[in-house]
Amino acid sequence: MYVGALTLDILLGDVRSLKQKRSVVRPLIAELQRRYPSIAVAETGHLDLHRRAEVSVAVVSATAGNCNEVLNACERMVAFRPEIELLSARQRLYNDED
């Protein structure tokens, strides 16, 4: 068993309030969940900043390759959204021996 974790640090475009931030981040999370129903995704950081967001994705799989494939696809989907800028992405892979 493998558990993959992806942490995305995001800079939001023309966002001036936490309410506007929510209107960008919520659809992003919903789209990730819709496209990849086997993942868990949540906003995990920068909760008080209106132009920054940290979104984390987790996936459990029988193979390391599948974990990497799903996490890479999630990262690409976020990176190609025009209203946000992906500042950094960190992937970690854990197996049942960790």
PDB file of N, CA and C in Angstrom:
ATOM      1  N   MET A   1       0.831  -1.172   0.000  1.00  0.00           N
ATOM      2  CA  MET A   1       0.000   0.000   0.000  1.00  0.00           C
ATOM      3  C   MET A   1       0.884   1.247   0.000  1.00  0.00           C
ATOM      4  N   TYR A   2       0.493   2.231  -0.779  1.00  0.00           N
ATOM      5  CA  TYR A   2       1.215   3.500  -0.863  1.00  0.00           C
ATOM      6  C   TYR A   2       0.242   4.654  -0.616  1.00  0.00           C
ATOM      7  N   VAL A   3       0.731   5.662   0.074  1.00  0.00           N
ATOM      8  CA  VAL A   3      -0.029   6.886   0.303  1.00  0.00           C
ATOM      9  C   VAL A   3       0.778   8.029  -0.298  1.00  0.00           C
ATOM     10  N   GLY A   4       0.167   8.756  -1.203  1.00  0.00           N
ATOM     11  CA  GLY A   4       0.815   9.899  -1.822  1.00  0.00           C
ATOM     12  C   GLY A   4       0.210  11.179  -1.300  1.00  0.00           C
ATOM     13  N   ALA A   5       1.058  12.163  -1.042  1.00  0.00           N
ATOM     14  CA  ALA A   5       0.599  13.467  -0.557  1.00  0.00           C
ATOM     15  C   ALA A   5       1.186  14.560  -1.447  1.00  0.00           C
ATOM     16  N   LEU A   6       0.366  15.505  -1.806  1.00  0.00           N
ATOM     17  CA  LEU A   6       0.760  16.630  -2.640  1.00  0.00           C
ATOM     18  C   LEU A   6       0.327  17.907  -1.944  1.00  0.00           C
ATOM     19  N   THR A   7       1.259  18.838  -1.768  1.00  0.00           N
ATOM     20  CA  THR A   7       0.946  20.130  -1.169  1.00  0.00           C
ATOM     21  C   THR A   7       1.240  21.219  -2.197  1.00  0.00           C
ATOM     22  N   LEU A   8       0.235  22.010  -2.495  1.00  0.00           N
ATOM     23  CA  LEU A   8       0.333  23.052  -3.510  1.00  0.00           C
ATOM     24  C   LEU A   8       0.247  24.418  -2.842  1.00  0.00           C
ATOM     25  N   ASP A   9       1.228  25.261  -3.093  1.00  0.00           N
ATOM     26  CA  ASP A   9       1.229  26.637  -2.600  1.00  0.00           C
ATOM     27  C   ASP A   9       0.794  27.519  -3.767  1.00  0.00           C
ATOM     28  N   ILE A  10      -0.303  28.227  -3.581  1.00  0.00           N
ATOM     29  CA  ILE A  10      -0.959  28.930  -4.684  1.00  0.00           C
ATOM     30  C   ILE A  10      -1.044  30.423  -4.395  1.00  0.00           C
ATOM     31  N   LEU A  11      -0.761  31.220  -5.416  1.00  0.00           N
ATOM     32  CA  LEU A  11      -0.979  32.665  -5.367  1.00  0.00           C
ATOM     33  C   LEU A  11      -2.215  32.950  -6.216  1.00  0.00           C
ATOM     34  N   LEU A  12      -3.191  33.581  -5.607  1.00  0.00           N
ATOM     35  CA  LEU A  12      -4.437  33.882  -6.301  1.00  0.00           C
ATOM     36  C   LEU A  12      -4.311  35.206  -7.025  1.00  0.00           C
ATOM     37  N   GLY A  13      -5.039  35.343  -8.105  1.00  0.00           N
ATOM     38  CA  GLY A  13      -4.952  36.544  -8.929  1.00  0.00           C
ATOM     39  C   GLY A  13      -5.548  37.769  -8.261  1.00  0.00           C
ATOM     40  N   ASP A  14      -6.519  38.370  -8.879  1.00  0.00           N
ATOM     41  CA  ASP A  14      -7.117  39.616  -8.406  1.00  0.00           C
ATOM     42  C   ASP A  14      -8.162  39.324  -7.324  1.00  0.00           C
ATOM     43  N   VAL A  15      -7.679  38.974  -6.139  1.00  0.00           N
ATOM     44  CA  VAL A  15      -8.547  38.650  -5.007  1.00  0.00           C
ATOM     45  C   VAL A  15      -8.286  39.672  -3.918  1.00  0.00           C
ATOM     46  N   ARG A  16      -9.351  40.308  -3.433  1.00  0.00           N
ATOM     47  CA  ARG A  16      -9.205  41.374  -2.451  1.00  0.00           C
ATOM     48  C   ARG A  16      -9.831  41.068  -1.093  1.00  0.00           C
ATOM     49  N   SER A  17     -10.443  39.898  -0.950  1.00  0.00           N
ATOM     50  CA  SER A  17     -11.065  39.558   0.329  1.00  0.00           C
ATOM     51  C   SER A  17     -11.073  38.042   0.508  1.00  0.00           C
ATOM     52  N   LEU A  18     -11.334  37.627   1.733  1.00  0.00           N
ATOM     53  CA  LEU A  18     -11.431  36.184   1.995  1.00  0.00           C
ATOM     54  C   LEU A  18     -12.642  35.576   1.296  1.00  0.00           C
ATOM     55  N   LYS A  19     -13.688  36.363   1.126  1.00  0.00           N
ATOM     56  CA  LYS A  19     -14.877  35.886   0.410  1.00  0.00           C
ATOM     57  C   LYS A  19     -14.544  35.609  -1.057  1.00  0.00           C
ATOM     58  N   GLN A  20     -13.795  36.500  -1.677  1.00  0.00           N
ATOM     59  CA  GLN A  20     -13.367  36.274  -3.069  1.00  0.00           C
ATOM     60  C   GLN A  20     -12.431  35.073  -3.143  1.00  0.00           C
ATOM     61  N   LYS A  21     -11.557  34.933  -2.151  1.00  0.00           N
ATOM     62  CA  LYS A  21     -10.651  33.788  -2.111  1.00  0.00           C
ATOM     63  C   LYS A  21     -11.450  32.494  -2.107  1.00  0.00           C
ATOM     64  N   ARG A  22     -12.473  32.450  -1.265  1.00  0.00           N
ATOM     65  CA  ARG A  22     -13.310  31.258  -1.176  1.00  0.00           C
ATOM     66  C   ARG A  22     -13.969  30.950  -2.512  1.00  0.00           C
ATOM     67  N   SER A  23     -14.338  31.993  -3.259  1.00  0.00           N
ATOM     68  CA  SER A  23     -14.992  31.783  -4.554  1.00  0.00           C
ATOM     69  C   SER A  23     -14.040  31.238  -5.614  1.00  0.00           C
ATOM     70  N   VAL A  24     -12.735  31.290  -5.354  1.00  0.00           N
ATOM     71  CA  VAL A  24     -11.746  30.701  -6.263  1.00  0.00           C
ATOM     72  C   VAL A  24     -11.323  29.311  -5.768  1.00  0.00           C
ATOM     73  N   VAL A  25     -11.084  29.186  -4.465  1.00  0.00           N
ATOM     74  CA  VAL A  25     -10.541  27.947  -3.917  1.00  0.00           C
ATOM     75  C   VAL A  25     -11.587  26.826  -3.882  1.00  0.00           C
ATOM     76  N   ARG A  26     -12.823  27.154  -3.503  1.00  0.00           N
ATOM     77  CA  ARG A  26     -13.862  26.112  -3.433  1.00  0.00           C
ATOM     78  C   ARG A  26     -14.105  25.425  -4.772  1.00  0.00           C
ATOM     79  N   PRO A  27     -14.271  26.171  -5.875  1.00  0.00           N
ATOM     80  CA  PRO A  27     -14.444  25.493  -7.167  1.00  0.00           C
ATOM     81  C   PRO A  27     -13.215  24.668  -7.583  1.00  0.00           C
ATOM     82  N   LEU A  28     -12.030  25.132  -7.209  1.00  0.00           N
ATOM     83  CA  LEU A  28     -10.811  24.377  -7.510  1.00  0.00           C
ATOM     84  C   LEU A  28     -10.836  23.025  -6.801  1.00  0.00           C
ATOM     85  N   ILE A  29     -11.164  23.042  -5.515  1.00  0.00           N
ATOM     86  CA  ILE A  29     -11.243  21.799  -4.743  1.00  0.00           C
ATOM     87  C   ILE A  29     -12.341  20.889  -5.299  1.00  0.00           C
ATOM     88  N   ALA A  30     -13.479  21.464  -5.625  1.00  0.00           N
ATOM     89  CA  ALA A  30     -14.589  20.686  -6.181  1.00  0.00           C
ATOM     90  C   ALA A  30     -14.211  20.048  -7.522  1.00  0.00           C
ATOM     91  N   GLU A  31     -13.495  20.789  -8.354  1.00  0.00           N
ATOM     92  CA  GLU A  31     -13.068  20.254  -9.660  1.00  0.00           C
ATOM     93  C   GLU A  31     -12.084  19.102  -9.484  1.00  0.00           C
ATOM     94  N   LEU A  32     -11.142  19.242  -8.551  1.00  0.00           N
ATOM     95  CA  LEU A  32     -10.210  18.143  -8.277  1.00  0.00           C
ATOM     96  C   LEU A  32     -10.966  16.897  -7.817  1.00  0.00           C
ATOM     97  N   GLN A  33     -11.919  17.065  -6.912  1.00  0.00           N
ATOM     98  CA  GLN A  33     -12.689  15.923  -6.419  1.00  0.00           C
ATOM     99  C   GLN A  33     -13.551  15.303  -7.511  1.00  0.00           C
ATOM    100  N   ARG A  34     -14.084  16.135  -8.390  1.00  0.00           N
ATOM    101  CA  ARG A  34     -14.920  15.622  -9.476  1.00  0.00           C
ATOM    102  C   ARG A  34     -14.100  14.816 -10.475  1.00  0.00           C
ATOM    103  N   ARG A  35     -12.940  15.344 -10.847  1.00  0.00           N
ATOM    104  CA  ARG A  35     -12.098  14.659 -11.835  1.00  0.00           C
ATOM    105  C   ARG A  35     -11.428  13.408 -11.282  1.00  0.00           C
ATOM    106  N   TYR A  36     -11.077  13.445 -10.014  1.00  0.00           N
ATOM    107  CA  TYR A  36     -10.359  12.324  -9.391  1.00  0.00           C
ATOM    108  C   TYR A  36     -11.091  11.930  -8.111  1.00  0.00           C
ATOM    109  N   PRO A  37     -12.147  11.126  -8.234  1.00  0.00           N
ATOM    110  CA  PRO A  37     -12.979  10.810  -7.057  1.00  0.00           C
ATOM    111  C   PRO A  37     -12.263   9.980  -5.989  1.00  0.00           C
ATOM    112  N   SER A  38     -11.115   9.419  -6.307  1.00  0.00           N
ATOM    113  CA  SER A  38     -10.409   8.583  -5.328  1.00  0.00           C
ATOM    114  C   SER A  38      -9.472   9.379  -4.421  1.00  0.00           C
ATOM    115  N   ILE A  39      -9.417  10.699  -4.573  1.00  0.00           N
ATOM    116  CA  ILE A  39      -8.507  11.509  -3.768  1.00  0.00           C
ATOM    117  C   ILE A  39      -9.244  12.188  -2.613  1.00  0.00           C
ATOM    118  N   ALA A  40      -8.467  12.618  -1.640  1.00  0.00           N
ATOM    119  CA  ALA A  40      -8.956  13.519  -0.599  1.00  0.00           C
ATOM    120  C   ALA A  40      -8.242  14.845  -0.825  1.00  0.00           C
ATOM    121  N   VAL A  41      -8.985  15.942  -0.755  1.00  0.00           N
ATOM    122  CA  VAL A  41      -8.398  17.261  -1.017  1.00  0.00           C
ATOM    123  C   VAL A  41      -9.015  18.286  -0.070  1.00  0.00           C
ATOM    124  N   ALA A  42      -8.169  19.215   0.403  1.00  0.00           N
ATOM    125  CA  ALA A  42      -8.636  20.244   1.329  1.00  0.00           C
ATOM    126  C   ALA A  42      -7.705  21.446   1.285  1.00  0.00           C
ATOM    127  N   GLU A  43      -8.244  22.592   1.694  1.00  0.00           N
ATOM    128  CA  GLU A  43      -7.408  23.776   1.892  1.00  0.00           C
ATOM    129  C   GLU A  43      -6.758  23.619   3.258  1.00  0.00           C
ATOM    130  N   THR A  44      -5.433  23.663   3.305  1.00  0.00           N
ATOM    131  CA  THR A  44      -4.725  23.315   4.538  1.00  0.00           C
ATOM    132  C   THR A  44      -3.844  24.425   5.093  1.00  0.00           C
ATOM    133  N   GLY A  45      -3.700  25.522   4.400  1.00  0.00           N
ATOM    134  CA  GLY A  45      -2.813  26.561   4.897  1.00  0.00           C
ATOM    135  C   GLY A  45      -3.144  27.925   4.342  1.00  0.00           C
ATOM    136  N   HIS A  46      -2.501  28.940   4.921  1.00  0.00           N
ATOM    137  CA  HIS A  46      -2.697  30.343   4.534  1.00  0.00           C
ATOM    138  C   HIS A  46      -4.170  30.734   4.642  1.00  0.00           C
ATOM    139  N   LEU A  47      -4.836  30.251   5.669  1.00  0.00           N
ATOM    140  CA  LEU A  47      -6.274  30.467   5.797  1.00  0.00           C
ATOM    141  C   LEU A  47      -6.646  31.921   6.038  1.00  0.00           C
ATOM    142  N   ASP A  48      -5.751  32.712   6.624  1.00  0.00           N
ATOM    143  CA  ASP A  48      -6.052  34.110   6.923  1.00  0.00           C
ATOM    144  C   ASP A  48      -5.548  35.084   5.859  1.00  0.00           C
ATOM    145  N   LEU A  49      -4.862  34.583   4.853  1.00  0.00           N
ATOM    146  CA  LEU A  49      -4.346  35.443   3.788  1.00  0.00           C
ATOM    147  C   LEU A  49      -5.289  35.376   2.595  1.00  0.00           C
ATOM    148  N   HIS A  50      -5.642  36.522   2.029  1.00  0.00           N
ATOM    149  CA  HIS A  50      -6.621  36.502   0.947  1.00  0.00           C
ATOM    150  C   HIS A  50      -6.030  36.232  -0.434  1.00  0.00           C
ATOM    151  N   ARG A  51      -4.734  36.392  -0.627  1.00  0.00           N
ATOM    152  CA  ARG A  51      -4.153  36.128  -1.952  1.00  0.00           C
ATOM    153  C   ARG A  51      -3.349  34.840  -2.020  1.00  0.00           C
ATOM    154  N   ARG A  52      -3.246  34.113  -0.918  1.00  0.00           N
ATOM    155  CA  ARG A  52      -2.474  32.865  -0.898  1.00  0.00           C
ATOM    156  C   ARG A  52      -3.377  31.739  -0.438  1.00  0.00           C
ATOM    157  N   ALA A  53      -3.077  30.534  -0.902  1.00  0.00           N
ATOM    158  CA  ALA A  53      -3.798  29.339  -0.463  1.00  0.00           C
ATOM    159  C   ALA A  53      -2.839  28.162  -0.516  1.00  0.00           C
ATOM    160  N   GLU A  54      -3.049  27.251   0.398  1.00  0.00           N
ATOM    161  CA  GLU A  54      -2.334  25.976   0.358  1.00  0.00           C
ATOM    162  C   GLU A  54      -3.399  24.900   0.254  1.00  0.00           C
ATOM    163  N   VAL A  55      -3.293  24.085  -0.787  1.00  0.00           N
ATOM    164  CA  VAL A  55      -4.234  23.001  -1.019  1.00  0.00           C
ATOM    165  C   VAL A  55      -3.447  21.704  -0.988  1.00  0.00           C
ATOM    166  N   SER A  56      -3.970  20.729  -0.252  1.00  0.00           N
ATOM    167  CA  SER A  56      -3.293  19.436  -0.139  1.00  0.00           C
ATOM    168  C   SER A  56      -4.179  18.342  -0.695  1.00  0.00           C
ATOM    169  N   VAL A  57      -3.522  17.369  -1.338  1.00  0.00           N
ATOM    170  CA  VAL A  57      -4.196  16.231  -1.956  1.00  0.00           C
ATOM    171  C   VAL A  57      -3.560  14.960  -1.413  1.00  0.00           C
ATOM    172  N   ALA A  58      -4.385  13.968  -1.120  1.00  0.00           N
ATOM    173  CA  ALA A  58      -3.877  12.670  -0.681  1.00  0.00           C
ATOM    174  C   ALA A  58      -4.547  11.575  -1.505  1.00  0.00           C
ATOM    175  N   VAL A  59      -3.773  10.537  -1.793  1.00  0.00           N
ATOM    176  CA  VAL A  59      -4.293   9.387  -2.542  1.00  0.00           C
ATOM    177  C   VAL A  59      -3.682   8.118  -1.966  1.00  0.00           C
ATOM    178  N   VAL A  60      -4.469   7.062  -1.930  1.00  0.00           N
ATOM    179  CA  VAL A  60      -4.009   5.750  -1.478  1.00  0.00           C
ATOM    180  C   VAL A  60      -4.116   4.802  -2.651  1.00  0.00           C
ATOM    181  N   SER A  61      -3.049   4.003  -2.873  1.00  0.00           N
ATOM    182  CA  SER A  61      -3.030   3.104  -4.021  1.00  0.00           C
ATOM    183  C   SER A  61      -2.192   1.869  -3.719  1.00  0.00           C
ATOM    184  N   ALA A  62      -2.380   0.866  -4.535  1.00  0.00           N
ATOM    185  CA  ALA A  62      -1.595  -0.359  -4.390  1.00  0.00           C
ATOM    186  C   ALA A  62      -0.199  -0.216  -4.979  1.00  0.00           C
ATOM    187  N   THR A  63      -0.017   0.760  -5.887  1.00  0.00           N
ATOM    188  CA  THR A  63       1.288   0.929  -6.518  1.00  0.00           C
ATOM    189  C   THR A  63       1.769   2.374  -6.393  1.00  0.00           C
ATOM    190  N   ALA A  64       3.076   2.517  -6.319  1.00  0.00           N
ATOM    191  CA  ALA A  64       3.674   3.849  -6.249  1.00  0.00           C
ATOM    192  C   ALA A  64       3.453   4.603  -7.559  1.00  0.00           C
ATOM    193  N   GLY A  65       3.495   3.903  -8.655  1.00  0.00           N
ATOM    194  CA  GLY A  65       3.308   4.531  -9.960  1.00  0.00           C
ATOM    195  C   GLY A  65       1.944   5.177 -10.100  1.00  0.00           C
ATOM    196  N   ASN A  66       0.916   4.509  -9.612  1.00  0.00           N
ATOM    197  CA  ASN A  66      -0.429   5.072  -9.689  1.00  0.00           C
ATOM    198  C   ASN A  66      -0.544   6.316  -8.807  1.00  0.00           C
ATOM    199  N   CYS A  67       0.044   6.275  -7.625  1.00  0.00           N
ATOM    200  CA  CYS A  67       0.044   7.457  -6.751  1.00  0.00           C
ATOM    201  C   CYS A  67       0.682   8.643  -7.463  1.00  0.00           C
ATOM    202  N   ASN A  68       1.854   8.432  -8.024  1.00  0.00           N
ATOM    203  CA  ASN A  68       2.559   9.511  -8.726  1.00  0.00           C
ATOM    204  C   ASN A  68       1.760  10.026  -9.918  1.00  0.00           C
ATOM    205  N   GLU A  69       1.127   9.122 -10.645  1.00  0.00           N
ATOM    206  CA  GLU A  69       0.351   9.519 -11.812  1.00  0.00           C
ATOM    207  C   GLU A  69      -0.828  10.411 -11.423  1.00  0.00           C
ATOM    208  N   VAL A  70      -1.554  10.036 -10.378  1.00  0.00           N
ATOM    209  CA  VAL A  70      -2.700  10.823  -9.932  1.00  0.00           C
ATOM    210  C   VAL A  70      -2.242  12.182  -9.395  1.00  0.00           C
ATOM    211  N   LEU A  71      -1.187  12.197  -8.584  1.00  0.00           N
ATOM    212  CA  LEU A  71      -0.705  13.456  -8.019  1.00  0.00           C
ATOM    213  C   LEU A  71      -0.170  14.388  -9.102  1.00  0.00           C
ATOM    214  N   ASN A  72       0.530  13.844 -10.077  1.00  0.00           N
ATOM    215  CA  ASN A  72       1.026  14.663 -11.194  1.00  0.00           C
ATOM    216  C   ASN A  72      -0.125  15.259 -11.996  1.00  0.00           C
ATOM    217  N   ALA A  73      -1.174  14.473 -12.207  1.00  0.00           N
ATOM    218  CA  ALA A  73      -2.343  14.973 -12.937  1.00  0.00           C
ATOM    219  C   ALA A  73      -3.024  16.098 -12.158  1.00  0.00           C
ATOM    220  N   CYS A  74      -3.135  15.956 -10.851  1.00  0.00           N
ATOM    221  CA  CYS A  74      -3.722  17.011 -10.015  1.00  0.00           C
ATOM    222  C   CYS A  74      -2.876  18.288 -10.086  1.00  0.00           C
ATOM    223  N   GLU A  75      -1.569  18.129 -10.009  1.00  0.00           N
ATOM    224  CA  GLU A  75      -0.674  19.285 -10.086  1.00  0.00           C
ATOM    225  C   GLU A  75      -0.808  19.999 -11.420  1.00  0.00           C
ATOM    226  N   ARG A  76      -0.857  19.248 -12.512  1.00  0.00           N
ATOM    227  CA  ARG A  76      -1.016  19.854 -13.837  1.00  0.00           C
ATOM    228  C   ARG A  76      -2.337  20.602 -13.957  1.00  0.00           C
ATOM    229  N   MET A  77      -3.402  20.010 -13.414  1.00  0.00           N
ATOM    230  CA  MET A  77      -4.705  20.650 -13.499  1.00  0.00           C
ATOM    231  C   MET A  77      -4.693  22.004 -12.795  1.00  0.00           C
ATOM    232  N   VAL A  78      -4.077  22.070 -11.632  1.00  0.00           N
ATOM    233  CA  VAL A  78      -4.004  23.325 -10.882  1.00  0.00           C
ATOM    234  C   VAL A  78      -3.076  24.307 -11.593  1.00  0.00           C
ATOM    235  N   ALA A  79      -1.969  23.838 -12.110  1.00  0.00           N
ATOM    236  CA  ALA A  79      -0.987  24.715 -12.755  1.00  0.00           C
ATOM    237  C   ALA A  79      -1.543  25.393 -14.003  1.00  0.00           C
ATOM    238  N   PHE A  80      -2.476  24.761 -14.684  1.00  0.00           N
ATOM    239  CA  PHE A  80      -2.999  25.318 -15.925  1.00  0.00           C
ATOM    240  C   PHE A  80      -4.235  26.190 -15.728  1.00  0.00           C
ATOM    241  N   ARG A  81      -4.641  26.418 -14.490  1.00  0.00           N
ATOM    242  CA  ARG A  81      -5.775  27.313 -14.243  1.00  0.00           C
ATOM    243  C   ARG A  81      -5.306  28.759 -14.420  1.00  0.00           C
ATOM    244  N   PRO A  82      -5.984  29.546 -15.249  1.00  0.00           N
ATOM    245  CA  PRO A  82      -5.496  30.899 -15.551  1.00  0.00           C
ATOM    246  C   PRO A  82      -5.632  31.890 -14.397  1.00  0.00           C
ATOM    247  N   GLU A  83      -6.545  31.655 -13.467  1.00  0.00           N
ATOM    248  CA  GLU A  83      -6.780  32.638 -12.407  1.00  0.00           C
ATOM    249  C   GLU A  83      -5.848  32.490 -11.212  1.00  0.00           C
ATOM    250  N   ILE A  84      -4.978  31.476 -11.243  1.00  0.00           N
ATOM    251  CA  ILE A  84      -4.059  31.268 -10.126  1.00  0.00           C
ATOM    252  C   ILE A  84      -2.645  31.030 -10.646  1.00  0.00           C
ATOM    253  N   GLU A  85      -1.682  31.212  -9.749  1.00  0.00           N
ATOM    254  CA  GLU A  85      -0.284  30.925 -10.066  1.00  0.00           C
ATOM    255  C   GLU A  85       0.221  29.901  -9.056  1.00  0.00           C
ATOM    256  N   LEU A  86       0.731  28.794  -9.553  1.00  0.00           N
ATOM    257  CA  LEU A  86       1.266  27.750  -8.689  1.00  0.00           C
ATOM    258  C   LEU A  86       2.693  28.128  -8.307  1.00  0.00           C
ATOM    259  N   LEU A  87       2.893  28.442  -7.023  1.00  0.00           N
ATOM    260  CA  LEU A  87       4.220  28.861  -6.558  1.00  0.00           C
ATOM    261  C   LEU A  87       5.127  27.674  -6.291  1.00  0.00           C
ATOM    262  N   SER A  88       4.591  26.622  -5.681  1.00  0.00           N
ATOM    263  CA  SER A  88       5.395  25.426  -5.425  1.00  0.00           C
ATOM    264  C   SER A  88       4.485  24.228  -5.248  1.00  0.00           C
ATOM    265  N   ALA A  89       5.065  23.069  -5.485  1.00  0.00           N
ATOM    266  CA  ALA A  89       4.353  21.803  -5.304  1.00  0.00           C
ATOM    267  C   ALA A  89       5.328  20.798  -4.683  1.00  0.00           C
ATOM    268  N   ARG A  90       4.893  20.173  -3.606  1.00  0.00           N
ATOM    269  CA  ARG A  90       5.714  19.155  -2.940  1.00  0.00           C
ATOM    270  C   ARG A  90       4.959  17.843  -2.931  1.00  0.00           C
ATOM    271  N   GLN A  91       5.629  16.805  -3.422  1.00  0.00           N
ATOM    272  CA  GLN A  91       5.043  15.472  -3.402  1.00  0.00           C
ATOM    273  C   GLN A  91       5.819  14.599  -2.434  1.00  0.00           C
ATOM    274  N   ARG A  92       5.077  13.788  -1.694  1.00  0.00           N
ATOM    275  CA  ARG A  92       5.692  12.801  -0.804  1.00  0.00           C
ATOM    276  C   ARG A  92       4.980  11.491  -1.010  1.00  0.00           C
ATOM    277  N   LEU A  93       5.747  10.421  -0.893  1.00  0.00           N
ATOM    278  CA  LEU A  93       5.189   9.085  -1.067  1.00  0.00           C
ATOM    279  C   LEU A  93       5.569   8.248   0.148  1.00  0.00           C
ATOM    280  N   TYR A  94       4.575   7.650   0.771  1.00  0.00           N
ATOM    281  CA  TYR A  94       4.796   6.794   1.930  1.00  0.00           C
ATOM    282  C   TYR A  94       4.337   5.392   1.581  1.00  0.00           C
ATOM    283  N   ASN A  95       5.075   4.399   2.082  1.00  0.00           N
ATOM    284  CA  ASN A  95       4.613   3.025   1.923  1.00  0.00           C
ATOM    285  C   ASN A  95       4.310   2.446   3.303  1.00  0.00           C
ATOM    286  N   ASP A  96       3.846   1.218   3.340  1.00  0.00           N
ATOM    287  CA  ASP A  96       3.435   0.635   4.620  1.00  0.00           C
ATOM    288  C   ASP A  96       4.597   0.356   5.568  1.00  0.00           C
ATOM    289  N   GLU A  97       5.820   0.534   5.117  1.00  0.00           N
ATOM    290  CA  GLU A  97       6.989   0.345   5.978  1.00  0.00           C
ATOM    291  C   GLU A  97       7.457   1.632   6.624  1.00  0.00           C
ATOM    292  N   ASP A  98       6.912   2.793   6.193  1.00  0.00           N
ATOM    293  CA  ASP A  98       7.307   4.093   6.764  1.00  0.00           C
ATOM    294  C   ASP A  98       6.642   4.317   8.097  1.00  0.00           C
TER     295      ASP A  98
END
